[in-house]
């Protein structure tokens, strides 16, 4: 009578292995890391310079192939294009939920990679 249950146990073991692998995974961007710059003053100019990006789950599909944008401080800017063209991806890159494969993203002429991630996200939230 145990034979039919072996399939369920085997499936559960596979699911548990995937769950533990996810729990043990170290993210490439650690938002709890206390290191990084925390400037006292933020003007709010954001610039993307020749940014190329592919999602980690689909590295062969390039979402951005060298996009350059400037969001001037104090101005409202709209990203207007069809659904799925990358508006949310731009926001995710600015908040360092992902890093571009190449190019730079700057806040007030400072590369966001040298900024404290938690500080950046708290200030970008105010800017968006």
Foldseek 3Di string as FASTA:
>chain_A
DCVVVVVVVVVVVVVVVVVVCVVPDDDPADLPDPAFDQDPDFQFKKWWFQFWADDPVCVPDILDGTDIDIDGGPDDDDDDDDPPNQPVVVVCCQLPVDDTPDTFMDGPPHGCVRHNNNSSNVVVVVND
